Amino acid sequence: MNWTNPVMIICAFPGLVYLLVGVLLWRKPPKKISHSYGYRTPGSMLSQERWDFAQPYAGRQFAIAGIVLMLCSLMSLFGDMDMRDFWKIMVLFMLITFLPIVLTEMTLNRHFPKNKNKQP
């Protein structure tokens, strides 16, 4: 096992942070729209209804991403990695990092269309 593997170091800490923040948002979401705590994007802050939906949904997505990142870091412990493998993991890391935001925004837009009240 190689505990100094850069993938282990790069993926483990953000994975743990994503997992902890995700569980917190999922289990204890903020009740009111807040500029200091919660999943704060322009799309989630448009209405209280969108805010209430986005918090636990984003929390689950971030928790899943955290678990995947931590699994990537654990996998890196058991194999020898060359630079090509390192860059593959880094691309995967970047995708996993932004995926919860993309999925949450897409789901918000699907559940709460912005032009819902307009006539065609």
PDB file of N, CA and C in Angstrom:
ATOM      1  N   MET A   1       0.838  -1.191   0.000  1.00  0.00           N
ATOM      2  CA  MET A   1       0.000   0.000   0.000  1.00  0.00           C
ATOM      3  C   MET A   1       0.874   1.242   0.000  1.00  0.00           C
ATOM      4  N   ASN A   2       0.456   2.195  -0.807  1.00  0.00           N
ATOM      5  CA  ASN A   2       1.215   3.432  -0.927  1.00  0.00           C
ATOM      6  C   ASN A   2       0.370   4.597  -0.390  1.00  0.00           C
ATOM      7  N   TRP A   3       0.599   4.977   0.862  1.00  0.00           N
ATOM      8  CA  TRP A   3      -0.176   6.035   1.506  1.00  0.00           C
ATOM      9  C   TRP A   3       0.194   7.424   0.997  1.00  0.00           C
ATOM     10  N   THR A   4       1.283   7.549   0.260  1.00  0.00           N
ATOM     11  CA  THR A   4       1.683   8.857  -0.252  1.00  0.00           C
ATOM     12  C   THR A   4       1.280   9.052  -1.706  1.00  0.00           C
ATOM     13  N   ASN A   5       0.468   8.155  -2.225  1.00  0.00           N
ATOM     14  CA  ASN A   5      -0.025   8.269  -3.588  1.00  0.00           C
ATOM     15  C   ASN A   5      -0.789   9.592  -3.724  1.00  0.00           C
ATOM     16  N   PRO A   6      -0.484  10.422  -4.744  1.00  0.00           N
ATOM     17  CA  PRO A   6      -1.163  11.711  -4.871  1.00  0.00           C
ATOM     18  C   PRO A   6      -2.674  11.590  -5.047  1.00  0.00           C
ATOM     19  N   VAL A   7      -3.135  10.535  -5.700  1.00  0.00           N
ATOM     20  CA  VAL A   7      -4.579  10.354  -5.878  1.00  0.00           C
ATOM     21  C   VAL A   7      -5.248  10.126  -4.532  1.00  0.00           C
ATOM     22  N   MET A   8      -4.599   9.372  -3.672  1.00  0.00           N
ATOM     23  CA  MET A   8      -5.127   9.137  -2.333  1.00  0.00           C
ATOM     24  C   MET A   8      -5.300  10.454  -1.601  1.00  0.00           C
ATOM     25  N   ILE A   9      -4.302  11.284  -1.670  1.00  0.00           N
ATOM     26  CA  ILE A   9      -4.330  12.560  -0.959  1.00  0.00           C
ATOM     27  C   ILE A   9      -5.339  13.518  -1.590  1.00  0.00           C
ATOM     28  N   ILE A  10      -5.370  13.578  -2.917  1.00  0.00           N
ATOM     29  CA  ILE A  10      -6.230  14.537  -3.614  1.00  0.00           C
ATOM     30  C   ILE A  10      -7.703  14.162  -3.517  1.00  0.00           C
ATOM     31  N   CYS A  11      -8.043  12.889  -3.537  1.00  0.00           N
ATOM     32  CA  CYS A  11      -9.449  12.471  -3.555  1.00  0.00           C
ATOM     33  C   CYS A  11     -10.037  12.220  -2.163  1.00  0.00           C
ATOM     34  N   ALA A  12      -9.221  11.817  -1.207  1.00  0.00           N
ATOM     35  CA  ALA A  12      -9.751  11.425   0.096  1.00  0.00           C
ATOM     36  C   ALA A  12     -10.348  12.601   0.863  1.00  0.00           C
ATOM     37  N   PHE A  13      -9.620  13.696   0.985  1.00  0.00           N
ATOM     38  CA  PHE A  13     -10.116  14.819   1.777  1.00  0.00           C
ATOM     39  C   PHE A  13     -11.357  15.466   1.156  1.00  0.00           C
ATOM     40  N   PRO A  14     -11.353  15.826  -0.134  1.00  0.00           N
ATOM     41  CA  PRO A  14     -12.592  16.372  -0.712  1.00  0.00           C
ATOM     42  C   PRO A  14     -13.747  15.371  -0.644  1.00  0.00           C
ATOM     43  N   GLY A  15     -13.456  14.094  -0.790  1.00  0.00           N
ATOM     44  CA  GLY A  15     -14.508  13.087  -0.684  1.00  0.00           C
ATOM     45  C   GLY A  15     -15.152  13.089   0.683  1.00  0.00           C
ATOM     46  N   LEU A  16     -14.338  13.187   1.716  1.00  0.00           N
ATOM     47  CA  LEU A  16     -14.863  13.236   3.082  1.00  0.00           C
ATOM     48  C   LEU A  16     -15.674  14.512   3.303  1.00  0.00           C
ATOM     49  N   VAL A  17     -15.180  15.640   2.806  1.00  0.00           N
ATOM     50  CA  VAL A  17     -15.906  16.910   2.943  1.00  0.00           C
ATOM     51  C   VAL A  17     -17.246  16.833   2.206  1.00  0.00           C
ATOM     52  N   TYR A  18     -17.242  16.326   0.972  1.00  0.00           N
ATOM     53  CA  TYR A  18     -18.489  16.185   0.213  1.00  0.00           C
ATOM     54  C   TYR A  18     -19.476  15.287   0.951  1.00  0.00           C
ATOM     55  N   LEU A  19     -18.990  14.194   1.506  1.00  0.00           N
ATOM     56  CA  LEU A  19     -19.869  13.279   2.227  1.00  0.00           C
ATOM     57  C   LEU A  19     -20.477  13.958   3.451  1.00  0.00           C
ATOM     58  N   LEU A  20     -19.661  14.631   4.238  1.00  0.00           N
ATOM     59  CA  LEU A  20     -20.161  15.286   5.449  1.00  0.00           C
ATOM     60  C   LEU A  20     -21.140  16.416   5.126  1.00  0.00           C
ATOM     61  N   VAL A  21     -20.794  17.256   4.162  1.00  0.00           N
ATOM     62  CA  VAL A  21     -21.683  18.356   3.778  1.00  0.00           C
ATOM     63  C   VAL A  21     -22.972  17.799   3.183  1.00  0.00           C
ATOM     64  N   GLY A  22     -22.851  16.762   2.366  1.00  0.00           N
ATOM     65  CA  GLY A  22     -24.027  16.157   1.759  1.00  0.00           C
ATOM     66  C   GLY A  22     -24.989  15.595   2.781  1.00  0.00           C
ATOM     67  N   VAL A  23     -24.470  14.867   3.753  1.00  0.00           N
ATOM     68  CA  VAL A  23     -25.329  14.297   4.798  1.00  0.00           C
ATOM     69  C   VAL A  23     -25.968  15.418   5.616  1.00  0.00           C
ATOM     70  N   LEU A  24     -25.218  16.454   5.906  1.00  0.00           N
ATOM     71  CA  LEU A  24     -25.757  17.592   6.657  1.00  0.00           C
ATOM     72  C   LEU A  24     -26.905  18.261   5.897  1.00  0.00           C
ATOM     73  N   LEU A  25     -26.715  18.526   4.599  1.00  0.00           N
ATOM     74  CA  LEU A  25     -27.782  19.136   3.802  1.00  0.00           C
ATOM     75  C   LEU A  25     -28.985  18.212   3.658  1.00  0.00           C
ATOM     76  N   TRP A  26     -28.718  16.939   3.540  1.00  0.00           N
ATOM     77  CA  TRP A  26     -29.775  15.963   3.348  1.00  0.00           C
ATOM     78  C   TRP A  26     -30.623  15.816   4.615  1.00  0.00           C
ATOM     79  N   ARG A  27     -29.953  15.694   5.746  1.00  0.00           N
ATOM     80  CA  ARG A  27     -30.658  15.432   7.014  1.00  0.00           C
ATOM     81  C   ARG A  27     -31.109  16.692   7.746  1.00  0.00           C
ATOM     82  N   LYS A  28     -30.361  17.770   7.624  1.00  0.00           N
ATOM     83  CA  LYS A  28     -30.682  19.026   8.332  1.00  0.00           C
ATOM     84  C   LYS A  28     -30.662  20.197   7.358  1.00  0.00           C
ATOM     85  N   PRO A  29     -31.550  20.212   6.370  1.00  0.00           N
ATOM     86  CA  PRO A  29     -31.512  21.308   5.401  1.00  0.00           C
ATOM     87  C   PRO A  29     -31.954  22.627   6.039  1.00  0.00           C
ATOM     88  N   PRO A  30     -31.417  23.739   5.566  1.00  0.00           N
ATOM     89  CA  PRO A  30     -31.857  25.033   6.088  1.00  0.00           C
ATOM     90  C   PRO A  30     -33.314  25.268   5.705  1.00  0.00           C
ATOM     91  N   LYS A  31     -34.061  25.825   6.624  1.00  0.00           N
ATOM     92  CA  LYS A  31     -35.500  26.020   6.405  1.00  0.00           C
ATOM     93  C   LYS A  31     -35.803  27.211   5.506  1.00  0.00           C
ATOM     94  N   LYS A  32     -35.042  28.281   5.655  1.00  0.00           N
ATOM     95  CA  LYS A  32     -35.282  29.496   4.878  1.00  0.00           C
ATOM     96  C   LYS A  32     -34.123  29.737   3.923  1.00  0.00           C
ATOM     97  N   ILE A  33     -34.391  30.475   2.869  1.00  0.00           N
ATOM     98  CA  ILE A  33     -33.345  30.824   1.909  1.00  0.00           C
ATOM     99  C   ILE A  33     -32.262  31.611   2.641  1.00  0.00           C
ATOM    100  N   SER A  34     -31.040  31.130   2.524  1.00  0.00           N
ATOM    101  CA  SER A  34     -29.929  31.713   3.261  1.00  0.00           C
ATOM    102  C   SER A  34     -28.769  31.971   2.312  1.00  0.00           C
ATOM    103  N   HIS A  35     -28.080  33.068   2.556  1.00  0.00           N
ATOM    104  CA  HIS A  35     -26.896  33.377   1.755  1.00  0.00           C
ATOM    105  C   HIS A  35     -25.619  32.829   2.395  1.00  0.00           C
ATOM    106  N   SER A  36     -25.753  32.152   3.550  1.00  0.00           N
ATOM    107  CA  SER A  36     -24.559  31.660   4.224  1.00  0.00           C
ATOM    108  C   SER A  36     -24.512  30.140   4.384  1.00  0.00           C
ATOM    109  N   TYR A  37     -25.631  29.455   4.264  1.00  0.00           N
ATOM    110  CA  TYR A  37     -25.646  28.017   4.489  1.00  0.00           C
ATOM    111  C   TYR A  37     -26.629  27.347   3.548  1.00  0.00           C
ATOM    112  N   GLY A  38     -26.212  26.268   2.935  1.00  0.00           N
ATOM    113  CA  GLY A  38     -27.096  25.489   2.082  1.00  0.00           C
ATOM    114  C   GLY A  38     -26.583  25.434   0.658  1.00  0.00           C
ATOM    115  N   TYR A  39     -27.368  24.781  -0.188  1.00  0.00           N
ATOM    116  CA  TYR A  39     -27.055  24.712  -1.608  1.00  0.00           C
ATOM    117  C   TYR A  39     -27.530  26.028  -2.213  1.00  0.00           C
ATOM    118  N   ARG A  40     -26.586  26.956  -2.426  1.00  0.00           N
ATOM    119  CA  ARG A  40     -26.917  28.331  -2.804  1.00  0.00           C
ATOM    120  C   ARG A  40     -26.516  28.586  -4.256  1.00  0.00           C
ATOM    121  N   THR A  41     -27.474  28.462  -5.142  1.00  0.00           N
ATOM    122  CA  THR A  41     -27.267  28.839  -6.534  1.00  0.00           C
ATOM    123  C   THR A  41     -28.424  29.756  -6.915  1.00  0.00           C
ATOM    124  N   PRO A  42     -28.267  30.530  -7.984  1.00  0.00           N
ATOM    125  CA  PRO A  42     -29.388  31.375  -8.407  1.00  0.00           C
ATOM    126  C   PRO A  42     -30.668  30.571  -8.657  1.00  0.00           C
ATOM    127  N   GLY A  43     -30.522  29.366  -9.190  1.00  0.00           N
ATOM    128  CA  GLY A  43     -31.699  28.533  -9.460  1.00  0.00           C
ATOM    129  C   GLY A  43     -32.380  28.046  -8.199  1.00  0.00           C
ATOM    130  N   SER A  44     -31.615  27.726  -7.184  1.00  0.00           N
ATOM    131  CA  SER A  44     -32.221  27.220  -5.947  1.00  0.00           C
ATOM    132  C   SER A  44     -32.811  28.337  -5.092  1.00  0.00           C
ATOM    133  N   MET A  45     -32.381  29.574  -5.333  1.00  0.00           N
ATOM    134  CA  MET A  45     -32.840  30.682  -4.502  1.00  0.00           C
ATOM    135  C   MET A  45     -33.978  31.481  -5.140  1.00  0.00           C
ATOM    136  N   LEU A  46     -34.534  31.000  -6.236  1.00  0.00           N
ATOM    137  CA  LEU A  46     -35.626  31.726  -6.904  1.00  0.00           C
ATOM    138  C   LEU A  46     -36.915  31.730  -6.090  1.00  0.00           C
ATOM    139  N   SER A  47     -37.169  30.663  -5.355  1.00  0.00           N
ATOM    140  CA  SER A  47     -38.380  30.600  -4.531  1.00  0.00           C
ATOM    141  C   SER A  47     -38.138  29.673  -3.349  1.00  0.00           C
ATOM    142  N   GLN A  48     -38.988  29.790  -2.361  1.00  0.00           N
ATOM    143  CA  GLN A  48     -38.873  28.924  -1.189  1.00  0.00           C
ATOM    144  C   GLN A  48     -39.134  27.467  -1.574  1.00  0.00           C
ATOM    145  N   GLU A  49     -40.037  27.256  -2.507  1.00  0.00           N
ATOM    146  CA  GLU A  49     -40.345  25.899  -2.958  1.00  0.00           C
ATOM    147  C   GLU A  49     -39.123  25.234  -3.610  1.00  0.00           C
ATOM    148  N   ARG A  50     -38.437  25.978  -4.482  1.00  0.00           N
ATOM    149  CA  ARG A  50     -37.223  25.459  -5.118  1.00  0.00           C
ATOM    150  C   ARG A  50     -36.129  25.221  -4.076  1.00  0.00           C
ATOM    151  N   TRP A  51     -35.998  26.133  -3.132  1.00  0.00           N
ATOM    152  CA  TRP A  51     -34.998  26.003  -2.068  1.00  0.00           C
ATOM    153  C   TRP A  51     -35.247  24.730  -1.260  1.00  0.00           C
ATOM    154  N   ASP A  52     -36.505  24.523  -0.845  1.00  0.00           N
ATOM    155  CA  ASP A  52     -36.841  23.350  -0.037  1.00  0.00           C
ATOM    156  C   ASP A  52     -36.587  22.041  -0.789  1.00  0.00           C
ATOM    157  N   PHE A  53     -36.812  22.049  -2.094  1.00  0.00           N
ATOM    158  CA  PHE A  53     -36.553  20.858  -2.896  1.00  0.00           C
ATOM    159  C   PHE A  53     -35.053  20.625  -3.089  1.00  0.00           C
ATOM    160  N   ALA A  54     -34.314  21.699  -3.336  1.00  0.00           N
ATOM    161  CA  ALA A  54     -32.901  21.588  -3.703  1.00  0.00           C
ATOM    162  C   ALA A  54     -32.018  21.113  -2.562  1.00  0.00           C
ATOM    163  N   GLN A  55     -32.321  21.480  -1.334  1.00  0.00           N
ATOM    164  CA  GLN A  55     -31.414  21.169  -0.221  1.00  0.00           C
ATOM    165  C   GLN A  55     -31.217  19.670  -0.013  1.00  0.00           C
ATOM    166  N   PRO A  56     -32.278  18.887   0.230  1.00  0.00           N
ATOM    167  CA  PRO A  56     -32.033  17.449   0.423  1.00  0.00           C
ATOM    168  C   PRO A  56     -31.583  16.753  -0.856  1.00  0.00           C
ATOM    169  N   TYR A  57     -32.067  17.212  -2.011  1.00  0.00           N
ATOM    170  CA  TYR A  57     -31.658  16.592  -3.266  1.00  0.00           C
ATOM    171  C   TYR A  57     -30.154  16.789  -3.490  1.00  0.00           C
ATOM    172  N   ALA A  58     -29.694  18.020  -3.348  1.00  0.00           N
ATOM    173  CA  ALA A  58     -28.265  18.300  -3.509  1.00  0.00           C
ATOM    174  C   ALA A  58     -27.455  17.573  -2.444  1.00  0.00           C
ATOM    175  N   GLY A  59     -27.979  17.489  -1.247  1.00  0.00           N
ATOM    176  CA  GLY A  59     -27.286  16.773  -0.180  1.00  0.00           C
ATOM    177  C   GLY A  59     -27.033  15.318  -0.542  1.00  0.00           C
ATOM    178  N   ARG A  60     -28.048  14.657  -1.087  1.00  0.00           N
ATOM    179  CA  ARG A  60     -27.865  13.263  -1.514  1.00  0.00           C
ATOM    180  C   ARG A  60     -26.830  13.165  -2.625  1.00  0.00           C
ATOM    181  N   GLN A  61     -26.882  14.094  -3.576  1.00  0.00           N
ATOM    182  CA  GLN A  61     -25.930  14.061  -4.689  1.00  0.00           C
ATOM    183  C   GLN A  61     -24.499  14.279  -4.201  1.00  0.00           C
ATOM    184  N   PHE A  62     -24.311  15.216  -3.287  1.00  0.00           N
ATOM    185  CA  PHE A  62     -22.971  15.468  -2.749  1.00  0.00           C
ATOM    186  C   PHE A  62     -22.482  14.286  -1.908  1.00  0.00           C
ATOM    187  N   ALA A  63     -23.370  13.650  -1.151  1.00  0.00           N
ATOM    188  CA  ALA A  63     -22.972  12.486  -0.356  1.00  0.00           C
ATOM    189  C   ALA A  63     -22.520  11.342  -1.267  1.00  0.00           C
ATOM    190  N   ILE A  64     -23.257  11.107  -2.337  1.00  0.00           N
ATOM    191  CA  ILE A  64     -22.878  10.057  -3.288  1.00  0.00           C
ATOM    192  C   ILE A  64     -21.534  10.392  -3.930  1.00  0.00           C
ATOM    193  N   ALA A  65     -21.355  11.638  -4.331  1.00  0.00           N
ATOM    194  CA  ALA A  65     -20.081  12.049  -4.930  1.00  0.00           C
ATOM    195  C   ALA A  65     -18.935  11.861  -3.939  1.00  0.00           C
ATOM    196  N   GLY A  66     -19.167  12.170  -2.671  1.00  0.00           N
ATOM    197  CA  GLY A  66     -18.136  11.980  -1.652  1.00  0.00           C
ATOM    198  C   GLY A  66     -17.745  10.524  -1.497  1.00  0.00           C
ATOM    199  N   ILE A  67     -18.734   9.647  -1.521  1.00  0.00           N
ATOM    200  CA  ILE A  67     -18.447   8.215  -1.416  1.00  0.00           C
ATOM    201  C   ILE A  67     -17.628   7.753  -2.618  1.00  0.00           C
ATOM    202  N   VAL A  68     -18.009   8.199  -3.815  1.00  0.00           N
ATOM    203  CA  VAL A  68     -17.278   7.805  -5.024  1.00  0.00           C
ATOM    204  C   VAL A  68     -15.841   8.322  -4.968  1.00  0.00           C
ATOM    205  N   LEU A  69     -15.649   9.556  -4.527  1.00  0.00           N
ATOM    206  CA  LEU A  69     -14.290  10.100  -4.421  1.00  0.00           C
ATOM    207  C   LEU A  69     -13.453   9.311  -3.415  1.00  0.00           C
ATOM    208  N   MET A  70     -14.057   8.952  -2.304  1.00  0.00           N
ATOM    209  CA  MET A  70     -13.304   8.189  -1.306  1.00  0.00           C
ATOM    210  C   MET A  70     -12.992   6.780  -1.817  1.00  0.00           C
ATOM    211  N   LEU A  71     -13.899   6.192  -2.590  1.00  0.00           N
ATOM    212  CA  LEU A  71     -13.609   4.884  -3.189  1.00  0.00           C
ATOM    213  C   LEU A  71     -12.463   4.983  -4.197  1.00  0.00           C
ATOM    214  N   CYS A  72     -12.438   6.080  -4.975  1.00  0.00           N
ATOM    215  CA  CYS A  72     -11.317   6.291  -5.900  1.00  0.00           C
ATOM    216  C   CYS A  72     -10.006   6.381  -5.147  1.00  0.00           C
ATOM    217  N   SER A  73     -10.017   7.062  -4.020  1.00  0.00           N
ATOM    218  CA  SER A  73      -8.781   7.191  -3.247  1.00  0.00           C
ATOM    219  C   SER A  73      -8.361   5.843  -2.669  1.00  0.00           C
ATOM    220  N   LEU A  74      -9.324   5.032  -2.253  1.00  0.00           N
ATOM    221  CA  LEU A  74      -8.980   3.710  -1.733  1.00  0.00           C
ATOM    222  C   LEU A  74      -8.440   2.804  -2.831  1.00  0.00           C
ATOM    223  N   MET A  75      -9.011   2.885  -4.032  1.00  0.00           N
ATOM    224  CA  MET A  75      -8.526   2.074  -5.146  1.00  0.00           C
ATOM    225  C   MET A  75      -7.080   2.423  -5.485  1.00  0.00           C
ATOM    226  N   SER A  76      -6.732   3.680  -5.320  1.00  0.00           N
ATOM    227  CA  SER A  76      -5.368   4.098  -5.652  1.00  0.00           C
ATOM    228  C   SER A  76      -4.336   3.522  -4.684  1.00  0.00           C
ATOM    229  N   LEU A  77      -4.781   3.101  -3.510  1.00  0.00           N
ATOM    230  CA  LEU A  77      -3.844   2.520  -2.538  1.00  0.00           C
ATOM    231  C   LEU A  77      -3.320   1.154  -2.973  1.00  0.00           C
ATOM    232  N   PHE A  78      -4.129   0.430  -3.733  1.00  0.00           N
ATOM    233  CA  PHE A  78      -3.812  -0.964  -4.005  1.00  0.00           C
ATOM    234  C   PHE A  78      -3.187  -1.206  -5.369  1.00  0.00           C
ATOM    235  N   GLY A  79      -2.855  -0.162  -6.085  1.00  0.00           N
ATOM    236  CA  GLY A  79      -2.235  -0.364  -7.384  1.00  0.00           C
ATOM    237  C   GLY A  79      -1.124   0.625  -7.634  1.00  0.00           C
ATOM    238  N   ASP A  80      -0.215   0.214  -8.480  1.00  0.00           N
ATOM    239  CA  ASP A  80       0.827   1.134  -8.924  1.00  0.00           C
ATOM    240  C   ASP A  80       0.260   1.956 -10.066  1.00  0.00           C
ATOM    241  N   MET A  81       0.425   3.254  -9.970  1.00  0.00           N
ATOM    242  CA  MET A  81      -0.148   4.139 -10.974  1.00  0.00           C
ATOM    243  C   MET A  81       0.964   4.847 -11.727  1.00  0.00           C
ATOM    244  N   ASP A  82       0.783   4.918 -13.030  1.00  0.00           N
ATOM    245  CA  ASP A  82       1.702   5.740 -13.810  1.00  0.00           C
ATOM    246  C   ASP A  82       1.008   7.075 -14.071  1.00  0.00           C
ATOM    247  N   MET A  83       1.637   7.968 -14.801  1.00  0.00           N
ATOM    248  CA  MET A  83       1.077   9.304 -15.031  1.00  0.00           C
ATOM    249  C   MET A  83      -0.228   9.254 -15.829  1.00  0.00           C
ATOM    250  N   ARG A  84      -0.342   8.308 -16.738  1.00  0.00           N
ATOM    251  CA  ARG A  84      -1.578   8.186 -17.507  1.00  0.00           C
ATOM    252  C   ARG A  84      -2.752   7.855 -16.587  1.00  0.00           C
ATOM    253  N   ASP A  85      -2.540   6.918 -15.664  1.00  0.00           N
ATOM    254  CA  ASP A  85      -3.583   6.577 -14.699  1.00  0.00           C
ATOM    255  C   ASP A  85      -3.904   7.771 -13.801  1.00  0.00           C
ATOM    256  N   PHE A  86      -2.881   8.510 -13.414  1.00  0.00           N
ATOM    257  CA  PHE A  86      -3.076   9.695 -12.578  1.00  0.00           C
ATOM    258  C   PHE A  86      -3.988  10.699 -13.272  1.00  0.00           C
ATOM    259  N   TRP A  87      -3.753  10.977 -14.540  1.00  0.00           N
ATOM    260  CA  TRP A  87      -4.558  11.958 -15.254  1.00  0.00           C
ATOM    261  C   TRP A  87      -5.970  11.458 -15.499  1.00  0.00           C
ATOM    262  N   LYS A  88      -6.144  10.170 -15.686  1.00  0.00           N
ATOM    263  CA  LYS A  88      -7.504   9.611 -15.813  1.00  0.00           C
ATOM    264  C   LYS A  88      -8.292   9.833 -14.529  1.00  0.00           C
ATOM    265  N   ILE A  89      -7.637   9.580 -13.406  1.00  0.00           N
ATOM    266  CA  ILE A  89      -8.299   9.782 -12.109  1.00  0.00           C
ATOM    267  C   ILE A  89      -8.589  11.263 -11.885  1.00  0.00           C
ATOM    268  N   MET A  90      -7.704  12.148 -12.310  1.00  0.00           N
ATOM    269  CA  MET A  90      -7.938  13.577 -12.122  1.00  0.00           C
ATOM    270  C   MET A  90      -9.122  14.068 -12.958  1.00  0.00           C
ATOM    271  N   VAL A  91      -9.259  13.552 -14.170  1.00  0.00           N
ATOM    272  CA  VAL A  91     -10.426  13.906 -14.994  1.00  0.00           C
ATOM    273  C   VAL A  91     -11.697  13.387 -14.324  1.00  0.00           C
ATOM    274  N   LEU A  92     -11.645  12.154 -13.836  1.00  0.00           N
ATOM    275  CA  LEU A  92     -12.781  11.596 -13.113  1.00  0.00           C
ATOM    276  C   LEU A  92     -13.097  12.430 -11.869  1.00  0.00           C
ATOM    277  N   PHE A  93     -12.057  12.860 -11.165  1.00  0.00           N
ATOM    278  CA  PHE A  93     -12.235  13.704  -9.975  1.00  0.00           C
ATOM    279  C   PHE A  93     -12.974  14.997 -10.331  1.00  0.00           C
ATOM    280  N   MET A  94     -12.575  15.639 -11.425  1.00  0.00           N
ATOM    281  CA  MET A  94     -13.219  16.892 -11.835  1.00  0.00           C
ATOM    282  C   MET A  94     -14.677  16.653 -12.218  1.00  0.00           C
ATOM    283  N   LEU A  95     -14.951  15.574 -12.916  1.00  0.00           N
ATOM    284  CA  LEU A  95     -16.331  15.267 -13.290  1.00  0.00           C
ATOM    285  C   LEU A  95     -17.188  15.006 -12.060  1.00  0.00           C
ATOM    286  N   ILE A  96     -16.667  14.226 -11.143  1.00  0.00           N
ATOM    287  CA  ILE A  96     -17.420  13.907  -9.926  1.00  0.00           C
ATOM    288  C   ILE A  96     -17.628  15.156  -9.074  1.00  0.00           C
ATOM    289  N   THR A  97     -16.670  16.060  -9.095  1.00  0.00           N
ATOM    290  CA  THR A  97     -16.778  17.283  -8.302  1.00  0.00           C
ATOM    291  C   THR A  97     -17.940  18.161  -8.775  1.00  0.00           C
ATOM    292  N   PHE A  98     -18.137  18.267 -10.083  1.00  0.00           N
ATOM    293  CA  PHE A  98     -19.180  19.143 -10.610  1.00  0.00           C
ATOM    294  C   PHE A  98     -20.498  18.439 -10.888  1.00  0.00           C
ATOM    295  N   LEU A  99     -20.512  17.128 -10.902  1.00  0.00           N
ATOM    296  CA  LEU A  99     -21.716  16.389 -11.229  1.00  0.00           C
ATOM    297  C   LEU A  99     -22.892  16.665 -10.287  1.00  0.00           C
ATOM    298  N   PRO A 100     -22.700  16.756  -8.959  1.00  0.00           N
ATOM    299  CA  PRO A 100     -23.850  17.052  -8.094  1.00  0.00           C
ATOM    300  C   PRO A 100     -24.521  18.389  -8.425  1.00  0.00           C
ATOM    301  N   ILE A 101     -23.736  19.389  -8.783  1.00  0.00           N
ATOM    302  CA  ILE A 101     -24.294  20.702  -9.115  1.00  0.00           C
ATOM    303  C   ILE A 101     -25.092  20.613 -10.413  1.00  0.00           C
ATOM    304  N   VAL A 102     -24.516  19.973 -11.417  1.00  0.00           N
ATOM    305  CA  VAL A 102     -25.193  19.844 -12.714  1.00  0.00           C
ATOM    306  C   VAL A 102     -26.489  19.057 -12.561  1.00  0.00           C
ATOM    307  N   LEU A 103     -26.441  17.934 -11.848  1.00  0.00           N
ATOM    308  CA  LEU A 103     -27.636  17.121 -11.665  1.00  0.00           C
ATOM    309  C   LEU A 103     -28.722  17.864 -10.892  1.00  0.00           C
ATOM    310  N   THR A 104     -28.331  18.588  -9.859  1.00  0.00           N
ATOM    311  CA  THR A 104     -29.310  19.330  -9.058  1.00  0.00           C
ATOM    312  C   THR A 104     -29.951  20.441  -9.878  1.00  0.00           C
ATOM    313  N   GLU A 105     -29.155  21.174 -10.638  1.00  0.00           N
ATOM    314  CA  GLU A 105     -29.723  22.258 -11.454  1.00  0.00           C
ATOM    315  C   GLU A 105     -30.640  21.711 -12.547  1.00  0.00           C
ATOM    316  N   MET A 106     -30.251  20.607 -13.171  1.00  0.00           N
ATOM    317  CA  MET A 106     -31.107  20.004 -14.197  1.00  0.00           C
ATOM    318  C   MET A 106     -32.433  19.539 -13.589  1.00  0.00           C
ATOM    319  N   THR A 107     -32.370  18.931 -12.417  1.00  0.00           N
ATOM    320  CA  THR A 107     -33.585  18.465 -11.755  1.00  0.00           C
ATOM    321  C   THR A 107     -34.452  19.631 -11.316  1.00  0.00           C
ATOM    322  N   LEU A 108     -33.850  20.695 -10.813  1.00  0.00           N
ATOM    323  CA  LEU A 108     -34.621  21.892 -10.444  1.00  0.00           C
ATOM    324  C   LEU A 108     -35.347  22.459 -11.654  1.00  0.00           C
ATOM    325  N   ASN A 109     -34.655  22.567 -12.775  1.00  0.00           N
ATOM    326  CA  ASN A 109     -35.274  23.122 -13.978  1.00  0.00           C
ATOM    327  C   ASN A 109     -36.363  22.213 -14.540  1.00  0.00           C
ATOM    328  N   ARG A 110     -36.216  20.916 -14.335  1.00  0.00           N
ATOM    329  CA  ARG A 110     -37.239  19.986 -14.805  1.00  0.00           C
ATOM    330  C   ARG A 110     -38.479  20.041 -13.909  1.00  0.00           C
ATOM    331  N   HIS A 111     -38.277  20.144 -12.594  1.00  0.00           N
ATOM    332  CA  HIS A 111     -39.400  20.165 -11.651  1.00  0.00           C
ATOM    333  C   HIS A 111     -40.070  21.530 -11.534  1.00  0.00           C
ATOM    334  N   PHE A 112     -39.302  22.575 -11.746  1.00  0.00           N
ATOM    335  CA  PHE A 112     -39.803  23.943 -11.581  1.00  0.00           C
ATOM    336  C   PHE A 112     -39.435  24.777 -12.801  1.00  0.00           C
ATOM    337  N   PRO A 113     -40.150  24.595 -13.910  1.00  0.00           N
ATOM    338  CA  PRO A 113     -39.812  25.399 -15.102  1.00  0.00           C
ATOM    339  C   PRO A 113     -39.979  26.888 -14.806  1.00  0.00           C
ATOM    340  N   LYS A 114     -39.027  27.685 -15.283  1.00  0.00           N
ATOM    341  CA  LYS A 114     -39.060  29.132 -15.018  1.00  0.00           C
ATOM    342  C   LYS A 114     -40.212  29.808 -15.747  1.00  0.00           C
ATOM    343  N   ASN A 115     -40.607  29.284 -16.901  1.00  0.00           N
ATOM    344  CA  ASN A 115     -41.681  29.894 -17.693  1.00  0.00           C
ATOM    345  C   ASN A 115     -43.008  29.190 -17.465  1.00  0.00           C
ATOM    346  N   LYS A 116     -43.214  28.669 -16.289  1.00  0.00           N
ATOM    347  CA  LYS A 116     -44.408  27.876 -15.984  1.00  0.00           C
ATOM    348  C   LYS A 116     -45.700  28.690 -16.134  1.00  0.00           C
ATOM    349  N   ASN A 117     -45.684  29.950 -15.795  1.00  0.00           N
ATOM    350  CA  ASN A 117     -46.887  30.767 -15.818  1.00  0.00           C
ATOM    351  C   ASN A 117     -47.131  31.466 -17.146  1.00  0.00           C
ATOM    352  N   LYS A 118     -46.207  31.390 -18.082  1.00  0.00           N
ATOM    353  CA  LYS A 118     -46.368  32.085 -19.364  1.00  0.00           C
ATOM    354  C   LYS A 118     -47.170  31.247 -20.348  1.00  0.00           C
ATOM    355  N   GLN A 119     -47.973  31.924 -21.151  1.00  0.00           N
ATOM    356  CA  GLN A 119     -48.745  31.256 -22.202  1.00  0.00           C
ATOM    357  C   GLN A 119     -47.859  31.053 -23.424  1.00  0.00           C
ATOM    358  N   PRO A 120     -48.020  29.913 -24.156  1.00  0.00           N
ATOM    359  CA  PRO A 120     -47.210  29.718 -25.366  1.00  0.00           C
ATOM    360  C   PRO A 120     -47.617  30.613 -26.502  1.00  0.00           C
TER     361      PRO A 120
END
